[in-house]
């Protein structure tokens, strides 16, 4: 049958629509192949921002006193974990939870942070993503994590400082809960039992998962029975705990774990810090932010309540996640 002008137009539109759909499906890739690769920054790019004396740049060292004093990135301000942790007496005796908006606002302003500040966070191991997550939760969604942390900075031959910089001019950032579902608590984790509505990832080390080790702050050894082991180091380079593997490697890890994009993803560890390493990786890969949830009280909160079930031993709940991708 001979095509009419109308059918030719419809066919052309179908082709255009198909090409547009294909282009949409092929999301642009960024740094290391990650869909949201802009959430990471390389040491070379950070050095350029410092050399350019960018007035909006704020560098935060998510390090303890010893780590910071051994040499930090010039101009960086120390933000150790305790300064943004809520007092246990305000959290039912649970330590390590995130402070309320008023406290986070005070901290951010003391650090000189404004709404348009270019905030870069780095660490020596795993704390940078906790701070990234805190900012995300409280409304600043453009904070970037330094890939490789202080180790990569030093290995690149860049200078470090010993003394802290002068006090910053007071910032204007105001913390407001922006992604409320990014932070969840015990009742929601308990509701996951047998529901099939979400996947729970235990991002602690294998000895903690198996109930062989009890870290300070927790009350009982073991794990949440329906949590699957996903050691936080699975997404990091073997020789640098602050450096991410590539997107392709991370995708391979998630495939082995059986991560399901159609389900909500819940993450926990001892106190909601290492869990943000996994959450951040899912975020980098382009997973829906609305489906990524950090269990803030984590094992400390769960283990404190004797009525909540636990399991011990590794034969009960074997996991392929114990073998990391090379």
Protein backbone atom coordinates (compact mmCIF):
# COMPACT_ATOMS: atom_id res chain seq x y z
CA UNK A 1 0.00 0.00 0.00
CA UNK A 2 1.30 3.43 -0.92
CA UNK A 3 2.02 5.68 2.08
CA UNK A 4 0.04 8.90 2.31
CA UNK A 5 1.52 12.19 3.46
CA UNK A 6 -0.17 11.71 6.82
CA UNK A 7 1.30 8.25 7.39
CA UNK A 8 4.75 9.50 6.40
CA UNK A 9 4.48 12.27 9.01
CA UNK A 10 3.33 9.78 11.65
CA UNK A 11 6.21 7.46 10.80
CA UNK A 12 8.70 10.31 10.99
CA UNK A 13 7.34 11.36 14.37
CA UNK A 14 7.59 7.79 15.60
CA UNK A 15 11.25 7.65 14.58
CA UNK A 16 11.98 10.97 16.27
CA UNK A 17 10.14 9.87 19.41
CA UNK A 18 12.04 6.59 19.43
CA UNK A 19 15.38 8.37 19.09
CA UNK A 20 14.44 10.76 21.89
CA UNK A 21 13.47 7.85 24.14
CA UNK A 22 16.74 6.09 23.38
CA UNK A 23 18.70 9.25 24.15
CA UNK A 24 16.82 9.61 27.45
CA UNK A 25 17.56 6.01 28.37
CA UNK A 26 21.28 6.57 27.75
CA UNK A 27 21.85 8.94 30.63
CA UNK A 28 25.00 11.04 30.41
CA UNK A 29 27.87 9.66 32.38
CA UNK A 30 30.19 11.73 34.49
CA UNK A 31 33.33 11.21 36.53
CA UNK A 32 34.39 7.53 36.56
CA UNK A 33 31.27 6.69 34.56
CA UNK A 34 28.81 7.61 37.31
CA UNK A 35 25.49 9.16 36.30
CA UNK A 36 25.85 11.65 39.15
CA UNK A 37 29.63 11.81 38.89
CA UNK A 38 29.56 15.53 39.68
CA UNK A 39 28.99 14.59 43.32
CA UNK A 40 32.65 13.52 43.32
CA UNK A 41 35.60 15.80 42.67
CA UNK A 42 39.18 14.84 41.83
CA UNK A 43 42.19 16.21 43.69
CA UNK A 44 43.36 17.91 40.48
CA UNK A 45 40.07 19.79 40.11
CA UNK A 46 40.09 20.81 43.76
CA UNK A 47 43.66 22.09 43.40
CA UNK A 48 42.51 24.26 40.48
CA UNK A 49 39.72 25.76 42.58
CA UNK A 50 42.16 26.53 45.39
CA UNK A 51 44.72 28.07 43.03
CA UNK A 52 41.97 30.20 41.46
CA UNK A 53 41.13 31.50 44.95
CA UNK A 54 37.45 30.83 44.35
CA UNK A 55 35.68 32.96 47.00
CA UNK A 56 32.76 30.52 47.23
CA UNK A 57 34.96 27.52 48.02
CA UNK A 58 34.57 25.91 51.46
CA UNK A 59 36.64 22.78 52.18
CA UNK A 60 35.68 20.57 55.11
CA UNK A 61 37.94 17.91 56.59
CA UNK A 62 35.76 15.16 58.07
CA UNK A 63 38.63 14.01 60.26
CA UNK A 64 39.47 13.53 63.92
CA UNK A 65 42.10 15.65 65.69
CA UNK A 66 45.01 13.32 64.93
CA UNK A 67 44.15 12.95 61.25
CA UNK A 68 43.73 16.70 60.85
CA UNK A 69 46.97 17.58 62.63
CA UNK A 70 49.01 15.14 60.55
CA UNK A 71 48.48 17.47 57.62
CA UNK A 72 45.30 18.75 56.02
CA UNK A 73 44.40 20.45 52.77
CA UNK A 74 45.31 24.15 53.11
CA UNK A 75 42.29 26.23 54.10
CA UNK A 76 40.19 23.22 55.10
CA UNK A 77 38.18 23.37 58.30
CA UNK A 78 37.92 20.36 60.60
CA UNK A 79 34.46 18.89 61.13
CA UNK A 80 34.87 15.88 63.41
CA UNK A 81 31.93 13.55 63.88
CA UNK A 82 30.99 14.62 67.45
CA UNK A 83 30.24 18.23 66.40
CA UNK A 84 27.19 17.18 64.39
CA UNK A 85 26.01 14.33 66.60
CA UNK A 86 22.99 14.74 68.86
CA UNK A 87 23.47 14.25 72.59
CA UNK A 88 22.45 10.67 73.57
CA UNK A 89 20.13 11.97 76.28
CA UNK A 90 18.05 13.62 73.55
CA UNK A 91 17.89 10.37 71.56
CA UNK A 92 16.70 7.88 74.13
CA UNK A 93 20.28 7.01 75.05
CA UNK A 94 21.32 6.30 71.45
CA UNK A 95 24.63 7.88 70.43
CA UNK A 96 25.68 9.06 66.99
CA UNK A 97 22.41 10.42 65.60
CA UNK A 98 22.32 13.60 63.51
CA UNK A 99 21.73 16.90 65.32
CA UNK A 100 18.54 18.88 64.80
CA UNK A 101 18.25 21.66 62.15
CA UNK A 102 19.02 24.48 64.60
CA UNK A 103 22.29 22.85 65.64
CA UNK A 104 23.29 22.08 62.06
CA UNK A 105 22.48 25.64 61.02
CA UNK A 106 24.76 26.98 63.75
CA UNK A 107 27.56 24.64 62.65
CA UNK A 108 27.22 25.46 58.95
CA UNK A 109 27.18 29.20 59.62
CA UNK A 110 30.24 28.93 61.85
CA UNK A 111 32.00 27.23 58.93
CA UNK A 112 31.13 30.18 56.69
CA UNK A 113 28.69 28.29 54.49
CA UNK A 114 26.15 30.12 52.38
CA UNK A 115 23.47 28.78 50.08
CA UNK A 116 25.75 29.17 47.04
CA UNK A 117 28.98 28.00 48.69
CA UNK A 118 30.97 25.34 46.84
CA UNK A 119 31.36 22.86 49.66
CA UNK A 120 33.91 20.06 49.28
CA UNK A 121 34.22 17.37 51.96
CA UNK A 122 37.05 14.89 52.37
CA UNK A 123 38.25 12.29 54.85
CA UNK A 124 40.89 9.70 55.61
CA UNK A 125 38.48 6.77 55.57
CA UNK A 126 34.68 6.99 55.56
CA UNK A 127 33.29 10.12 57.25
CA UNK A 128 32.96 12.44 54.23
CA UNK A 129 29.77 10.81 52.97
CA UNK A 130 28.15 11.11 56.40
CA UNK A 131 28.68 14.87 56.21
CA UNK A 132 27.55 14.90 52.55
CA UNK A 133 24.36 13.07 53.61
CA UNK A 134 23.74 15.50 56.47
CA UNK A 135 23.92 18.46 54.10
CA UNK A 136 21.67 16.67 51.61
CA UNK A 137 19.11 15.96 54.31
CA UNK A 138 19.17 19.59 55.41
CA UNK A 139 18.82 21.15 51.98
CA UNK A 140 22.23 21.65 50.39
CA UNK A 141 22.29 19.21 47.49
CA UNK A 142 25.46 20.32 45.68
CA UNK A 143 28.10 19.27 48.23
CA UNK A 144 30.89 17.25 46.61
CA UNK A 145 33.09 14.48 48.02
CA UNK A 146 36.82 14.45 47.29
CA UNK A 147 37.63 11.16 45.58
CA UNK A 148 40.65 9.63 47.25
CA UNK A 149 40.52 11.94 50.25
CA UNK A 150 43.64 13.22 51.97
CA UNK A 151 45.67 10.22 50.83
CA UNK A 152 45.16 11.02 47.15
CA UNK A 153 45.91 14.68 47.84
CA UNK A 154 49.24 13.85 49.46
CA UNK A 155 50.13 11.26 46.81
CA UNK A 156 49.60 13.91 44.13
CA UNK A 157 52.38 15.91 45.80
CA UNK A 158 50.18 18.82 46.85
CA UNK A 159 51.02 20.89 49.93
CA UNK A 160 49.38 20.31 53.30
CA UNK A 161 48.95 22.54 56.31
CA UNK A 162 49.34 21.91 60.02
CA UNK A 163 47.59 24.95 61.46
CA UNK A 164 43.86 25.53 61.13
CA UNK A 165 42.75 28.55 59.05
CA UNK A 166 41.44 31.72 60.66
CA UNK A 167 37.81 31.76 61.71
CA UNK A 168 35.43 32.07 58.79
CA UNK A 169 33.07 34.97 58.23
CA UNK A 170 29.67 33.83 59.47
CA UNK A 171 27.66 32.08 56.79
CA UNK A 172 23.96 32.36 56.03
CA UNK A 173 22.95 28.75 55.31
CA UNK A 174 19.83 27.65 57.17
CA UNK A 175 19.22 23.93 57.61
CA UNK A 176 15.74 22.74 56.72
CA UNK A 177 14.75 19.12 56.25
CA UNK A 178 14.72 18.77 52.48
CA UNK A 179 14.73 15.02 51.88
CA UNK A 180 12.84 13.64 54.89
CA UNK A 181 12.79 10.05 53.61
CA UNK A 182 16.58 10.03 53.46
CA UNK A 183 16.62 9.49 57.23
CA UNK A 184 14.56 6.68 58.77
CA UNK A 185 14.30 5.07 62.18
CA UNK A 186 13.63 1.71 63.83
CA UNK A 187 9.86 1.33 63.23
CA UNK A 188 10.34 1.48 59.47
CA UNK A 189 13.16 -1.08 59.57
CA UNK A 190 11.03 -3.40 61.68
CA UNK A 191 8.15 -3.02 59.18
CA UNK A 192 10.40 -4.40 56.42
CA UNK A 193 10.31 -7.87 57.99
CA UNK A 194 8.65 -10.19 55.51
CA UNK A 195 7.10 -7.30 53.56
CA UNK A 196 9.22 -7.59 50.40
CA UNK A 197 8.84 -3.83 49.97
CA UNK A 198 12.46 -2.93 50.46
CA UNK A 199 16.01 -4.24 50.74
CA UNK A 200 18.01 -3.75 53.91
CA UNK A 201 21.82 -3.58 53.63
CA UNK A 202 24.14 -4.20 56.56
CA UNK A 203 27.24 -2.14 55.74
CA UNK A 204 29.34 -3.21 58.73
CA UNK A 205 32.44 -5.39 58.69
CA UNK A 206 31.98 -9.16 58.51
CA UNK A 207 32.89 -9.75 62.20
CA UNK A 208 30.15 -7.36 63.29
CA UNK A 209 27.67 -8.93 60.89
CA UNK A 210 28.45 -12.44 62.16
CA UNK A 211 28.18 -11.40 65.80
CA UNK A 212 31.85 -11.95 66.54
CA UNK A 213 32.61 -8.34 67.46
CA UNK A 214 30.78 -5.73 69.51
CA UNK A 215 31.88 -2.17 68.84
CA UNK A 216 31.73 0.56 71.46
CA UNK A 217 28.26 2.02 71.82
CA UNK A 218 26.30 -1.07 70.78
CA UNK A 219 24.47 -3.24 73.32
CA UNK A 220 24.27 -6.68 71.68
CA UNK A 221 26.25 -8.65 69.11
CA UNK A 222 24.66 -9.80 65.88
CA UNK A 223 22.60 -8.47 63.00
CA UNK A 224 19.08 -7.66 61.90
CA UNK A 225 17.77 -11.00 60.54
CA UNK A 226 16.46 -9.63 57.24
CA UNK A 227 19.48 -7.46 56.55
CA UNK A 228 21.91 -8.56 53.83
CA UNK A 229 25.63 -8.04 54.25
CA UNK A 230 27.21 -5.42 52.02
CA UNK A 231 30.53 -4.42 53.52
CA UNK A 232 31.08 -0.67 52.98
CA UNK A 233 34.54 -1.34 51.52
CA UNK A 234 33.02 -3.10 48.50
CA UNK A 235 32.73 0.24 46.72
CA UNK A 236 36.21 1.53 47.55
CA UNK A 237 39.72 0.93 46.22
CA UNK A 238 41.72 -1.67 48.13
CA UNK A 239 44.68 0.63 48.63
CA UNK A 240 42.67 3.74 49.52
CA UNK A 241 39.54 3.59 51.68
CA UNK A 242 38.56 7.08 50.47
CA UNK A 243 38.66 6.35 46.73
CA UNK A 244 35.72 5.00 44.76
CA UNK A 245 35.91 2.20 42.25
CA UNK A 246 34.45 2.89 38.80
CA UNK A 247 30.74 2.93 38.02
CA UNK A 248 31.08 -0.29 36.03
CA UNK A 249 32.70 -2.01 39.01
CA UNK A 250 30.04 -0.71 41.38
CA UNK A 251 27.31 -1.93 39.03
CA UNK A 252 28.93 -5.35 39.05
CA UNK A 253 28.90 -5.36 42.86
CA UNK A 254 25.21 -4.45 42.97
CA UNK A 255 24.40 -7.17 40.46
CA UNK A 256 26.13 -9.75 42.66
CA UNK A 257 24.26 -8.44 45.68
CA UNK A 258 20.94 -8.66 43.90
CA UNK A 259 20.05 -4.99 44.39
CA UNK A 260 16.61 -4.28 42.92
CA UNK A 261 15.98 -0.74 41.53
CA UNK A 262 12.21 -1.20 41.89
CA UNK A 263 12.49 -1.47 45.68
CA UNK A 264 13.36 1.02 48.38
CA UNK A 265 16.91 0.64 49.66
CA UNK A 266 17.73 0.88 53.38
CA UNK A 267 21.26 1.14 54.76
CA UNK A 268 22.68 0.74 58.26
CA UNK A 269 25.94 0.12 60.09
CA UNK A 270 27.05 0.82 63.68
CA UNK A 271 25.88 4.45 63.81
CA UNK A 272 24.81 5.49 60.30
CA UNK A 273 28.25 6.56 59.05
CA UNK A 274 29.61 3.68 56.96
CA UNK A 275 26.08 3.13 55.66
CA UNK A 276 26.30 6.47 53.85
CA UNK A 277 29.19 5.05 51.79
CA UNK A 278 26.76 2.58 50.22
CA UNK A 279 23.91 5.10 49.97
CA UNK A 280 26.25 7.57 48.25
CA UNK A 281 27.34 4.91 45.74
CA UNK A 282 23.73 4.08 44.85
CA UNK A 283 23.18 7.85 44.46
CA UNK A 284 26.22 8.18 42.19
CA UNK A 285 24.85 5.40 39.99
CA UNK A 286 21.63 7.35 39.46
CA UNK A 287 19.24 5.48 41.75
CA UNK A 288 16.15 7.45 42.76
CA UNK A 289 16.94 9.57 45.83
CA UNK A 290 13.42 8.97 47.11
CA UNK A 291 14.24 5.25 47.42
CA UNK A 292 17.50 5.66 49.40
CA UNK A 293 17.15 5.63 53.19
CA UNK A 294 19.80 5.84 55.91
CA UNK A 295 18.85 4.17 59.21
CA UNK A 296 20.38 6.79 61.47
CA UNK A 297 20.25 4.93 64.79
CA UNK A 298 21.57 1.84 63.02
CA UNK A 299 22.94 -1.07 65.06
CA UNK A 300 23.35 1.04 68.21
CA UNK A 301 19.65 1.81 68.22
CA UNK A 302 18.53 -1.67 67.19
CA UNK A 303 20.75 -3.49 69.69
CA UNK A 304 19.61 -1.27 72.55
CA UNK A 305 16.02 -2.51 72.33
CA UNK A 306 16.01 -6.05 73.75
CA UNK A 307 12.59 -6.73 72.21
CA UNK A 308 13.98 -6.53 68.68
CA UNK A 309 15.17 -9.77 67.02
CA UNK A 310 18.79 -10.46 66.17
CA UNK A 311 20.79 -13.27 64.55
CA UNK A 312 24.38 -14.36 65.07
CA UNK A 313 26.69 -16.65 63.15
CA UNK A 314 27.33 -16.59 59.44
CA UNK A 315 25.83 -19.91 58.39
CA UNK A 316 22.29 -18.64 59.01
CA UNK A 317 22.34 -15.91 56.39
CA UNK A 318 25.15 -16.49 53.86
CA UNK A 319 25.94 -13.55 51.62
CA UNK A 320 27.80 -13.19 48.32
CA UNK A 321 28.78 -9.69 49.44
CA UNK A 322 31.69 -10.99 51.49
CA UNK A 323 33.69 -11.32 48.26
CA UNK A 324 34.52 -7.91 46.86
CA UNK A 325 34.91 -7.16 43.18
CA UNK A 326 38.43 -6.82 41.78
